[in-house]
Amino acid sequence: MGSVGVLALQGDVREHLATLAALGVGAERVRTPAELDAVAALVLPGGESTAIAHLLRTSGLADALGERLAAGLPVLGTCAGLILLAREVLDGRADQWGYGALAVAVRRNGYGRQIASFEAPLTLSDGTSVPGVFIRAPRIEACGPGVEVLATYDHDGEADPVLVRQGPVWGASFHPELTADTTVHRLFVESL
């Protein structure tokens, strides 16, 4: 396996690099199309989805990433990264765009604004638990065909999907990089 890139335009770049390093995985910052070409997989970090989208365009990475996604690049998008990968964004800005690589509908700030940020245990599909950090987190409101739910969060008596996968593309509503638990990154890397 080649190295895993972390989109390094805005957001939780250091935290993802540290988590991958803790797993012994070679990880690189990705800021240019040439750096994107050099990686075998990519993490789209949390941050602010419209800011990241703007920076993707101005850096020249927007089209290059779209082409790599279409060619099957494995990607893990967390929080804002999930929004960029979603097929439908609810409550988005009029100029909001994304890649549509995951057949999910997400609601921006679906669990509340910054003041409503929280931590909660999440249940993986095998029944084990991982910690979840939700900061202005998107809420997955619908999953299309081919989307596998890998983790849920018990919200108002409903099991909300919070970690999903469609082929090589993964999306998380939460920030796995903000805990000491490396499970989500490990599962992603093991799928490569």
N, C-alpha and C. Protein backbone atom coordinates (compact mmCIF):
# COMPACT_ATOMS: atom_id res chain seq x y z
N MET A 1 0.84 -1.18 0.00
CA MET A 1 0.00 0.00 0.00
C MET A 1 0.89 1.25 0.00
N GLY A 2 0.52 2.22 -0.80
CA GLY A 2 1.21 3.50 -0.79
C GLY A 2 0.79 4.32 0.42
N SER A 3 1.23 5.54 0.46
CA SER A 3 0.91 6.39 1.61
C SER A 3 -0.52 6.90 1.53
N VAL A 4 -1.02 7.31 2.67
CA VAL A 4 -2.35 7.90 2.77
C VAL A 4 -2.15 9.41 2.84
N GLY A 5 -2.87 10.14 2.01
CA GLY A 5 -2.80 11.59 2.04
C GLY A 5 -3.85 12.17 2.96
N VAL A 6 -3.56 13.33 3.50
CA VAL A 6 -4.55 14.10 4.27
C VAL A 6 -4.65 15.45 3.58
N LEU A 7 -5.85 15.77 3.10
CA LEU A 7 -6.05 17.07 2.46
C LEU A 7 -5.67 18.15 3.45
N ALA A 8 -4.70 18.97 3.09
CA ALA A 8 -4.10 19.91 4.05
C ALA A 8 -4.39 21.36 3.66
N LEU A 9 -5.66 21.65 3.40
CA LEU A 9 -6.05 23.01 3.04
C LEU A 9 -6.67 23.76 4.21
N GLN A 10 -7.38 23.04 5.08
CA GLN A 10 -8.05 23.63 6.23
C GLN A 10 -8.58 22.50 7.09
N GLY A 11 -8.67 22.68 8.38
CA GLY A 11 -9.28 21.68 9.24
C GLY A 11 -8.28 20.87 10.05
N ASP A 12 -8.71 19.67 10.47
CA ASP A 12 -7.98 18.82 11.41
C ASP A 12 -6.87 18.01 10.75
N VAL A 13 -5.97 18.66 10.09
CA VAL A 13 -4.91 17.98 9.34
C VAL A 13 -3.93 17.29 10.30
N ARG A 14 -3.37 18.03 11.25
CA ARG A 14 -2.39 17.47 12.19
C ARG A 14 -2.94 16.26 12.93
N GLU A 15 -4.19 16.37 13.35
CA GLU A 15 -4.79 15.29 14.14
C GLU A 15 -4.91 14.00 13.33
N HIS A 16 -5.31 14.11 12.06
CA HIS A 16 -5.39 12.91 11.21
C HIS A 16 -4.00 12.34 10.96
N LEU A 17 -3.02 13.20 10.70
CA LEU A 17 -1.65 12.73 10.49
C LEU A 17 -1.14 11.99 11.72
N ALA A 18 -1.43 12.52 12.90
CA ALA A 18 -0.98 11.89 14.15
C ALA A 18 -1.66 10.53 14.34
N THR A 19 -2.94 10.44 14.03
CA THR A 19 -3.66 9.16 14.19
C THR A 19 -3.10 8.12 13.23
N LEU A 20 -2.86 8.51 11.99
CA LEU A 20 -2.28 7.57 11.02
C LEU A 20 -0.87 7.16 11.45
N ALA A 21 -0.09 8.10 11.96
CA ALA A 21 1.26 7.78 12.44
C ALA A 21 1.20 6.80 13.60
N ALA A 22 0.21 6.96 14.49
CA ALA A 22 0.05 6.03 15.62
C ALA A 22 -0.22 4.61 15.14
N LEU A 23 -0.79 4.49 13.95
CA LEU A 23 -1.05 3.17 13.37
C LEU A 23 0.13 2.66 12.55
N GLY A 24 1.19 3.46 12.44
CA GLY A 24 2.35 3.08 11.65
C GLY A 24 2.13 3.24 10.16
N VAL A 25 1.19 4.08 9.77
CA VAL A 25 0.86 4.29 8.37
C VAL A 25 1.59 5.53 7.85
N GLY A 26 2.24 5.40 6.71
CA GLY A 26 2.86 6.56 6.08
C GLY A 26 1.79 7.53 5.62
N ALA A 27 1.89 8.78 6.02
CA ALA A 27 0.87 9.78 5.69
C ALA A 27 1.55 11.04 5.18
N GLU A 28 0.91 11.67 4.20
CA GLU A 28 1.45 12.87 3.56
C GLU A 28 0.40 13.97 3.53
N ARG A 29 0.83 15.19 3.67
CA ARG A 29 -0.06 16.34 3.46
C ARG A 29 -0.29 16.48 1.95
N VAL A 30 -1.53 16.75 1.57
CA VAL A 30 -1.87 16.94 0.16
C VAL A 30 -2.40 18.36 -0.03
N ARG A 31 -1.66 19.13 -0.82
CA ARG A 31 -2.05 20.52 -1.12
C ARG A 31 -2.10 20.81 -2.61
N THR A 32 -1.55 19.91 -3.43
CA THR A 32 -1.46 20.14 -4.87
C THR A 32 -1.91 18.89 -5.63
N PRO A 33 -2.28 19.03 -6.90
CA PRO A 33 -2.61 17.85 -7.70
C PRO A 33 -1.46 16.84 -7.77
N ALA A 34 -0.22 17.30 -7.84
CA ALA A 34 0.92 16.37 -7.88
C ALA A 34 1.01 15.56 -6.58
N GLU A 35 0.78 16.20 -5.44
CA GLU A 35 0.79 15.47 -4.16
C GLU A 35 -0.37 14.48 -4.10
N LEU A 36 -1.53 14.85 -4.66
CA LEU A 36 -2.67 13.93 -4.70
C LEU A 36 -2.34 12.71 -5.54
N ASP A 37 -1.67 12.91 -6.67
CA ASP A 37 -1.30 11.80 -7.54
C ASP A 37 -0.39 10.80 -6.84
N ALA A 38 0.34 11.24 -5.83
CA ALA A 38 1.34 10.39 -5.17
C ALA A 38 0.77 9.51 -4.06
N VAL A 39 -0.52 9.67 -3.70
CA VAL A 39 -1.06 8.90 -2.58
C VAL A 39 -2.02 7.82 -3.06
N ALA A 40 -2.13 6.77 -2.24
CA ALA A 40 -3.00 5.63 -2.56
C ALA A 40 -4.40 5.78 -1.98
N ALA A 41 -4.56 6.68 -1.01
CA ALA A 41 -5.84 6.92 -0.36
C ALA A 41 -5.79 8.34 0.21
N LEU A 42 -6.95 8.86 0.60
CA LEU A 42 -7.01 10.25 1.07
C LEU A 42 -7.99 10.39 2.23
N VAL A 43 -7.64 11.27 3.16
CA VAL A 43 -8.55 11.67 4.23
C VAL A 43 -8.96 13.11 3.95
N LEU A 44 -10.28 13.35 3.93
CA LEU A 44 -10.82 14.71 3.85
C LEU A 44 -11.21 15.09 5.27
N PRO A 45 -10.48 16.01 5.90
CA PRO A 45 -10.69 16.28 7.32
C PRO A 45 -11.92 17.14 7.60
N GLY A 46 -12.27 17.16 8.88
CA GLY A 46 -13.27 18.11 9.33
C GLY A 46 -12.71 19.51 9.25
N GLY A 47 -13.58 20.46 9.30
CA GLY A 47 -13.24 21.88 9.18
C GLY A 47 -14.52 22.60 8.81
N GLU A 48 -14.46 23.47 7.83
CA GLU A 48 -15.67 24.16 7.37
C GLU A 48 -15.85 23.80 5.89
N SER A 49 -16.95 23.13 5.57
CA SER A 49 -17.12 22.53 4.25
C SER A 49 -17.07 23.54 3.11
N THR A 50 -17.67 24.71 3.28
CA THR A 50 -17.64 25.68 2.18
C THR A 50 -16.24 26.29 2.02
N ALA A 51 -15.52 26.46 3.12
CA ALA A 51 -14.14 26.95 3.04
C ALA A 51 -13.26 25.92 2.35
N ILE A 52 -13.40 24.65 2.70
CA ILE A 52 -12.61 23.61 2.06
C ILE A 52 -12.94 23.53 0.57
N ALA A 53 -14.23 23.62 0.23
CA ALA A 53 -14.63 23.58 -1.19
C ALA A 53 -14.00 24.73 -1.96
N HIS A 54 -14.00 25.92 -1.37
CA HIS A 54 -13.39 27.08 -2.01
C HIS A 54 -11.89 26.86 -2.21
N LEU A 55 -11.23 26.35 -1.18
CA LEU A 55 -9.79 26.11 -1.27
C LEU A 55 -9.45 24.99 -2.26
N LEU A 56 -10.34 24.00 -2.39
CA LEU A 56 -10.13 22.97 -3.41
C LEU A 56 -10.10 23.60 -4.80
N ARG A 57 -11.01 24.53 -5.05
CA ARG A 57 -11.06 25.21 -6.35
C ARG A 57 -9.80 26.07 -6.56
N THR A 58 -9.46 26.90 -5.59
CA THR A 58 -8.34 27.83 -5.78
C THR A 58 -6.99 27.13 -5.81
N SER A 59 -6.89 25.93 -5.23
CA SER A 59 -5.63 25.18 -5.22
C SER A 59 -5.45 24.35 -6.49
N GLY A 60 -6.51 24.25 -7.29
CA GLY A 60 -6.45 23.40 -8.47
C GLY A 60 -6.72 21.94 -8.18
N LEU A 61 -7.11 21.62 -6.94
CA LEU A 61 -7.35 20.23 -6.55
C LEU A 61 -8.77 19.74 -6.83
N ALA A 62 -9.73 20.64 -7.03
CA ALA A 62 -11.13 20.23 -7.15
C ALA A 62 -11.33 19.21 -8.27
N ASP A 63 -10.89 19.53 -9.47
CA ASP A 63 -11.08 18.61 -10.60
C ASP A 63 -10.22 17.36 -10.46
N ALA A 64 -8.98 17.54 -9.99
CA ALA A 64 -8.08 16.40 -9.82
C ALA A 64 -8.67 15.40 -8.83
N LEU A 65 -9.23 15.88 -7.74
CA LEU A 65 -9.84 14.99 -6.75
C LEU A 65 -11.08 14.33 -7.33
N GLY A 66 -11.88 15.06 -8.08
CA GLY A 66 -13.05 14.47 -8.72
C GLY A 66 -12.67 13.33 -9.64
N GLU A 67 -11.60 13.52 -10.39
CA GLU A 67 -11.12 12.47 -11.30
C GLU A 67 -10.63 11.25 -10.52
N ARG A 68 -9.89 11.48 -9.43
CA ARG A 68 -9.40 10.35 -8.63
C ARG A 68 -10.55 9.61 -7.95
N LEU A 69 -11.56 10.35 -7.48
CA LEU A 69 -12.73 9.69 -6.89
C LEU A 69 -13.43 8.82 -7.93
N ALA A 70 -13.61 9.35 -9.12
CA ALA A 70 -14.27 8.60 -10.20
C ALA A 70 -13.47 7.34 -10.56
N ALA A 71 -12.15 7.40 -10.37
CA ALA A 71 -11.29 6.26 -10.68
C ALA A 71 -11.18 5.27 -9.52
N GLY A 72 -11.88 5.54 -8.40
CA GLY A 72 -11.91 4.59 -7.29
C GLY A 72 -10.98 4.88 -6.14
N LEU A 73 -10.49 6.12 -6.02
CA LEU A 73 -9.62 6.46 -4.89
C LEU A 73 -10.34 6.20 -3.57
N PRO A 74 -9.74 5.42 -2.66
CA PRO A 74 -10.32 5.26 -1.33
C PRO A 74 -10.21 6.58 -0.55
N VAL A 75 -11.32 7.00 0.05
CA VAL A 75 -11.36 8.28 0.77
C VAL A 75 -12.15 8.09 2.06
N LEU A 76 -11.64 8.71 3.13
CA LEU A 76 -12.36 8.82 4.40
C LEU A 76 -12.63 10.30 4.63
N GLY A 77 -13.90 10.68 4.64
CA GLY A 77 -14.28 12.06 4.91
C GLY A 77 -14.90 12.17 6.28
N THR A 78 -14.35 13.05 7.13
CA THR A 78 -14.89 13.23 8.47
C THR A 78 -15.53 14.61 8.57
N CYS A 79 -16.73 14.67 9.11
CA CYS A 79 -17.48 15.89 9.34
C CYS A 79 -17.61 16.71 8.05
N ALA A 80 -16.86 17.78 7.87
CA ALA A 80 -16.93 18.56 6.64
C ALA A 80 -16.56 17.70 5.43
N GLY A 81 -15.64 16.75 5.62
CA GLY A 81 -15.28 15.85 4.53
C GLY A 81 -16.45 15.01 4.08
N LEU A 82 -17.29 14.57 5.03
CA LEU A 82 -18.52 13.85 4.70
C LEU A 82 -19.44 14.73 3.86
N ILE A 83 -19.58 15.99 4.23
CA ILE A 83 -20.44 16.90 3.48
C ILE A 83 -19.95 17.01 2.03
N LEU A 84 -18.64 17.13 1.84
CA LEU A 84 -18.09 17.23 0.49
C LEU A 84 -18.30 15.96 -0.33
N LEU A 85 -18.42 14.82 0.32
CA LEU A 85 -18.61 13.55 -0.38
C LEU A 85 -20.08 13.21 -0.62
N ALA A 86 -21.00 13.85 0.09
CA ALA A 86 -22.42 13.50 0.04
C ALA A 86 -23.06 13.84 -1.30
N ARG A 87 -24.05 13.04 -1.65
CA ARG A 87 -24.80 13.28 -2.88
C ARG A 87 -25.77 14.45 -2.72
N GLU A 88 -26.28 14.63 -1.49
CA GLU A 88 -27.24 15.71 -1.23
C GLU A 88 -26.91 16.39 0.09
N VAL A 89 -26.88 17.73 0.08
CA VAL A 89 -26.61 18.50 1.28
C VAL A 89 -27.84 19.34 1.59
N LEU A 90 -28.42 19.10 2.76
CA LEU A 90 -29.60 19.84 3.21
C LEU A 90 -29.12 21.02 4.06
N ASP A 91 -29.78 22.14 3.96
CA ASP A 91 -29.41 23.36 4.68
C ASP A 91 -28.04 23.88 4.26
N GLY A 92 -27.62 23.57 3.05
CA GLY A 92 -26.36 24.08 2.53
C GLY A 92 -26.53 25.48 1.97
N ARG A 93 -25.43 26.13 1.70
CA ARG A 93 -25.47 27.43 1.05
C ARG A 93 -25.86 27.26 -0.42
N ALA A 94 -26.33 28.32 -1.02
CA ALA A 94 -26.75 28.26 -2.42
C ALA A 94 -25.60 27.86 -3.34
N ASP A 95 -24.37 28.24 -2.99
CA ASP A 95 -23.22 27.92 -3.82
C ASP A 95 -22.48 26.65 -3.36
N GLN A 96 -23.10 25.90 -2.45
CA GLN A 96 -22.48 24.67 -1.92
C GLN A 96 -22.38 23.63 -3.03
N TRP A 97 -21.24 23.00 -3.14
CA TRP A 97 -21.06 21.91 -4.10
C TRP A 97 -20.32 20.78 -3.41
N GLY A 98 -20.40 19.62 -4.02
CA GLY A 98 -19.70 18.47 -3.50
C GLY A 98 -19.50 17.45 -4.60
N TYR A 99 -18.93 16.32 -4.24
CA TYR A 99 -18.56 15.30 -5.21
C TYR A 99 -19.64 14.26 -5.47
N GLY A 100 -20.61 14.11 -4.57
CA GLY A 100 -21.66 13.12 -4.77
C GLY A 100 -21.14 11.69 -4.80
N ALA A 101 -20.04 11.43 -4.11
CA ALA A 101 -19.42 10.10 -4.12
C ALA A 101 -20.07 9.12 -3.15
N LEU A 102 -20.85 9.63 -2.20
CA LEU A 102 -21.61 8.80 -1.25
C LEU A 102 -23.09 9.07 -1.45
N ALA A 103 -23.87 8.01 -1.62
CA ALA A 103 -25.31 8.16 -1.82
C ALA A 103 -26.00 8.40 -0.47
N VAL A 104 -25.71 9.55 0.12
CA VAL A 104 -26.33 9.94 1.39
C VAL A 104 -26.83 11.38 1.28
N ALA A 105 -27.84 11.67 2.08
CA ALA A 105 -28.30 13.05 2.27
C ALA A 105 -27.87 13.45 3.67
N VAL A 106 -27.14 14.56 3.77
CA VAL A 106 -26.69 15.04 5.07
C VAL A 106 -27.23 16.44 5.32
N ARG A 107 -27.51 16.72 6.57
CA ARG A 107 -27.95 18.06 6.98
C ARG A 107 -26.79 18.73 7.69
N ARG A 108 -26.34 19.86 7.14
CA ARG A 108 -25.28 20.62 7.79
C ARG A 108 -25.72 21.00 9.20
N ASN A 109 -24.81 20.93 10.15
CA ASN A 109 -25.10 21.27 11.55
C ASN A 109 -26.33 20.52 12.06
N GLY A 110 -26.52 19.29 11.60
CA GLY A 110 -27.71 18.51 11.93
C GLY A 110 -27.86 18.17 13.40
N TYR A 111 -26.78 18.25 14.16
CA TYR A 111 -26.85 18.00 15.61
C TYR A 111 -26.72 19.30 16.40
N GLY A 112 -26.78 20.42 15.71
CA GLY A 112 -26.73 21.71 16.40
C GLY A 112 -25.49 22.51 16.06
N ARG A 113 -25.51 23.76 16.46
CA ARG A 113 -24.41 24.68 16.21
C ARG A 113 -23.23 24.37 17.15
N GLN A 114 -22.22 25.19 17.12
CA GLN A 114 -21.00 24.99 17.90
C GLN A 114 -21.29 24.77 19.39
N ILE A 115 -22.20 25.54 19.94
CA ILE A 115 -22.52 25.46 21.37
C ILE A 115 -23.14 24.11 21.74
N ALA A 116 -23.69 23.41 20.76
CA ALA A 116 -24.32 22.11 21.02
C ALA A 116 -23.36 20.94 20.81
N SER A 117 -22.06 21.20 20.65
CA SER A 117 -21.08 20.14 20.44
C SER A 117 -21.10 19.17 21.62
N PHE A 118 -20.81 17.89 21.34
CA PHE A 118 -20.89 16.88 22.39
C PHE A 118 -20.03 15.67 22.05
N GLU A 119 -19.83 14.83 23.05
CA GLU A 119 -19.17 13.54 22.88
C GLU A 119 -20.14 12.46 23.30
N ALA A 120 -20.11 11.33 22.57
CA ALA A 120 -21.03 10.22 22.88
C ALA A 120 -20.43 8.92 22.37
N PRO A 121 -20.76 7.81 23.04
CA PRO A 121 -20.32 6.52 22.53
C PRO A 121 -21.12 6.15 21.27
N LEU A 122 -20.43 5.54 20.32
CA LEU A 122 -21.04 5.12 19.06
C LEU A 122 -20.94 3.61 18.96
N THR A 123 -21.94 2.98 18.37
CA THR A 123 -21.96 1.54 18.25
C THR A 123 -21.58 1.12 16.84
N LEU A 124 -20.48 0.35 16.74
CA LEU A 124 -20.07 -0.19 15.45
C LEU A 124 -20.98 -1.35 15.07
N SER A 125 -20.98 -1.69 13.79
CA SER A 125 -21.85 -2.76 13.30
C SER A 125 -21.53 -4.10 13.94
N ASP A 126 -20.32 -4.29 14.48
CA ASP A 126 -19.99 -5.54 15.17
C ASP A 126 -20.37 -5.51 16.65
N GLY A 127 -21.02 -4.41 17.09
CA GLY A 127 -21.48 -4.30 18.48
C GLY A 127 -20.51 -3.62 19.41
N THR A 128 -19.27 -3.39 18.99
CA THR A 128 -18.31 -2.69 19.84
C THR A 128 -18.59 -1.19 19.81
N SER A 129 -17.90 -0.49 20.67
CA SER A 129 -18.15 0.94 20.83
C SER A 129 -16.89 1.74 20.56
N VAL A 130 -17.06 2.93 19.98
CA VAL A 130 -15.97 3.88 19.81
C VAL A 130 -16.46 5.24 20.27
N PRO A 131 -15.55 6.10 20.72
CA PRO A 131 -15.97 7.44 21.14
C PRO A 131 -16.24 8.31 19.91
N GLY A 132 -17.25 9.16 20.03
CA GLY A 132 -17.57 10.09 18.95
C GLY A 132 -17.54 11.52 19.44
N VAL A 133 -16.87 12.39 18.70
CA VAL A 133 -16.83 13.81 19.01
C VAL A 133 -17.60 14.53 17.90
N PHE A 134 -18.66 15.22 18.28
CA PHE A 134 -19.53 15.91 17.32
C PHE A 134 -19.40 17.41 17.51
N ILE A 135 -18.90 18.10 16.48
CA ILE A 135 -18.73 19.56 16.53
C ILE A 135 -19.39 20.13 15.28
N ARG A 136 -20.52 20.81 15.44
CA ARG A 136 -21.28 21.31 14.29
C ARG A 136 -21.43 20.20 13.25
N ALA A 137 -21.75 19.02 13.71
CA ALA A 137 -21.69 17.81 12.89
C ALA A 137 -22.86 17.69 11.92
N PRO A 138 -22.57 17.17 10.73
CA PRO A 138 -23.65 16.87 9.80
C PRO A 138 -24.40 15.62 10.27
N ARG A 139 -25.68 15.59 10.01
CA ARG A 139 -26.50 14.43 10.36
C ARG A 139 -26.88 13.71 9.07
N ILE A 140 -26.60 12.43 8.99
CA ILE A 140 -26.98 11.63 7.83
C ILE A 140 -28.47 11.33 7.95
N GLU A 141 -29.26 11.88 7.04
CA GLU A 141 -30.71 11.73 7.12
C GLU A 141 -31.24 10.63 6.21
N ALA A 142 -30.49 10.24 5.20
CA ALA A 142 -30.92 9.16 4.31
C ALA A 142 -29.70 8.52 3.68
N CYS A 143 -29.79 7.20 3.51
CA CYS A 143 -28.73 6.44 2.83
C CYS A 143 -29.35 5.75 1.62
N GLY A 144 -28.68 5.86 0.49
CA GLY A 144 -29.15 5.22 -0.73
C GLY A 144 -28.67 3.79 -0.83
N PRO A 145 -29.03 3.13 -1.95
CA PRO A 145 -28.60 1.75 -2.17
C PRO A 145 -27.08 1.68 -2.23
N GLY A 146 -26.55 0.60 -1.67
CA GLY A 146 -25.11 0.40 -1.71
C GLY A 146 -24.36 1.05 -0.58
N VAL A 147 -25.05 1.79 0.30
CA VAL A 147 -24.39 2.43 1.43
C VAL A 147 -24.50 1.51 2.64
N GLU A 148 -23.35 1.15 3.18
CA GLU A 148 -23.29 0.28 4.35
C GLU A 148 -23.11 1.14 5.60
N VAL A 149 -23.95 0.93 6.60
CA VAL A 149 -23.84 1.66 7.86
C VAL A 149 -22.88 0.89 8.76
N LEU A 150 -21.78 1.55 9.14
CA LEU A 150 -20.74 0.92 9.95
C LEU A 150 -20.82 1.29 11.43
N ALA A 151 -21.49 2.43 11.74
CA ALA A 151 -21.64 2.84 13.13
C ALA A 151 -22.88 3.71 13.25
N THR A 152 -23.50 3.63 14.43
CA THR A 152 -24.69 4.43 14.70
C THR A 152 -24.55 5.16 16.03
N TYR A 153 -25.39 6.18 16.17
CA TYR A 153 -25.48 6.96 17.40
C TYR A 153 -26.95 6.97 17.81
N ASP A 154 -27.22 6.60 19.06
CA ASP A 154 -28.59 6.59 19.56
C ASP A 154 -29.01 8.02 19.85
N HIS A 155 -29.87 8.56 18.99
CA HIS A 155 -30.32 9.95 19.08
C HIS A 155 -31.84 9.98 19.15
N ASP A 156 -32.35 10.37 20.30
CA ASP A 156 -33.81 10.46 20.49
C ASP A 156 -34.50 9.14 20.14
N GLY A 157 -33.89 8.02 20.56
CA GLY A 157 -34.50 6.72 20.33
C GLY A 157 -34.29 6.16 18.93
N GLU A 158 -33.61 6.89 18.09
CA GLU A 158 -33.31 6.44 16.72
C GLU A 158 -31.82 6.09 16.63
N ALA A 159 -31.49 5.10 15.82
CA ALA A 159 -30.10 4.73 15.57
C ALA A 159 -29.64 5.48 14.32
N ASP A 160 -29.13 6.69 14.50
CA ASP A 160 -28.64 7.49 13.38
C ASP A 160 -27.36 6.89 12.81
N PRO A 161 -27.28 6.74 11.49
CA PRO A 161 -25.99 6.34 10.91
C PRO A 161 -24.99 7.48 11.07
N VAL A 162 -23.79 7.17 11.54
CA VAL A 162 -22.76 8.21 11.72
C VAL A 162 -21.43 7.83 11.07
N LEU A 163 -21.31 6.58 10.64
CA LEU A 163 -20.14 6.13 9.87
C LEU A 163 -20.68 5.22 8.78
N VAL A 164 -20.44 5.61 7.54
CA VAL A 164 -20.97 4.86 6.40
C VAL A 164 -19.86 4.59 5.39
N ARG A 165 -20.15 3.63 4.53
CA ARG A 165 -19.18 3.25 3.49
C ARG A 165 -19.95 2.88 2.23
N GLN A 166 -19.46 3.35 1.11
CA GLN A 166 -19.98 2.93 -0.18
C GLN A 166 -18.77 2.63 -1.05
N GLY A 167 -18.48 1.35 -1.23
CA GLY A 167 -17.27 0.96 -1.94
C GLY A 167 -16.05 1.48 -1.19
N PRO A 168 -15.15 2.19 -1.88
CA PRO A 168 -13.94 2.67 -1.22
C PRO A 168 -14.10 4.03 -0.53
N VAL A 169 -15.33 4.56 -0.52
CA VAL A 169 -15.56 5.89 0.05
C VAL A 169 -16.27 5.76 1.39
N TRP A 170 -15.65 6.35 2.43
CA TRP A 170 -16.17 6.31 3.80
C TRP A 170 -16.53 7.73 4.23
N GLY A 171 -17.57 7.85 5.05
CA GLY A 171 -17.93 9.14 5.60
C GLY A 171 -18.32 9.02 7.06
N ALA A 172 -17.83 9.96 7.88
CA ALA A 172 -18.13 9.98 9.31
C ALA A 172 -18.71 11.34 9.68
N SER A 173 -19.81 11.35 10.42
CA SER A 173 -20.40 12.60 10.91
C SER A 173 -19.55 13.23 12.00
N PHE A 174 -18.72 12.45 12.62
CA PHE A 174 -17.98 12.85 13.81
C PHE A 174 -16.50 12.99 13.50
N HIS A 175 -15.72 13.28 14.54
CA HIS A 175 -14.27 13.50 14.42
C HIS A 175 -13.51 12.38 15.12
N PRO A 176 -13.23 11.26 14.44
CA PRO A 176 -12.48 10.19 15.11
C PRO A 176 -11.05 10.60 15.43
N GLU A 177 -10.54 11.60 14.74
CA GLU A 177 -9.15 12.05 14.94
C GLU A 177 -8.97 12.85 16.22
N LEU A 178 -10.08 13.22 16.88
CA LEU A 178 -9.98 14.02 18.10
C LEU A 178 -10.03 13.18 19.38
N THR A 179 -9.89 11.86 19.22
CA THR A 179 -9.82 10.97 20.39
C THR A 179 -8.54 10.14 20.26
N ALA A 180 -8.21 9.44 21.31
CA ALA A 180 -7.04 8.55 21.29
C ALA A 180 -7.37 7.22 20.60
N ASP A 181 -8.64 6.96 20.34
CA ASP A 181 -9.07 5.71 19.72
C ASP A 181 -8.77 5.75 18.22
N THR A 182 -8.07 4.75 17.73
CA THR A 182 -7.67 4.70 16.31
C THR A 182 -8.53 3.76 15.48
N THR A 183 -9.63 3.26 16.03
CA THR A 183 -10.42 2.23 15.37
C THR A 183 -10.89 2.63 13.98
N VAL A 184 -11.47 3.80 13.82
CA VAL A 184 -12.03 4.19 12.52
C VAL A 184 -10.93 4.27 11.47
N HIS A 185 -9.82 4.90 11.81
CA HIS A 185 -8.70 4.98 10.86
C HIS A 185 -8.15 3.59 10.55
N ARG A 186 -8.06 2.75 11.57
CA ARG A 186 -7.55 1.38 11.37
C ARG A 186 -8.45 0.61 10.41
N LEU A 187 -9.76 0.69 10.63
CA LEU A 187 -10.69 0.01 9.73
C LEU A 187 -10.58 0.51 8.31
N PHE A 188 -10.44 1.83 8.15
CA PHE A 188 -10.28 2.40 6.81
C PHE A 188 -9.00 1.88 6.16
N VAL A 189 -7.90 1.93 6.89
CA VAL A 189 -6.60 1.49 6.35
C VAL A 189 -6.65 -0.01 6.02
N GLU A 190 -7.27 -0.79 6.88
CA GLU A 190 -7.36 -2.24 6.63
C GLU A 190 -8.18 -2.56 5.39
N SER A 191 -9.08 -1.63 4.98
CA SER A 191 -9.91 -1.85 3.80
C SER A 191 -9.17 -1.57 2.50
N LEU A 192 -7.99 -0.99 2.59
CA LEU A 192 -7.25 -0.59 1.38
C LEU A 192 -6.61 -1.78 0.68
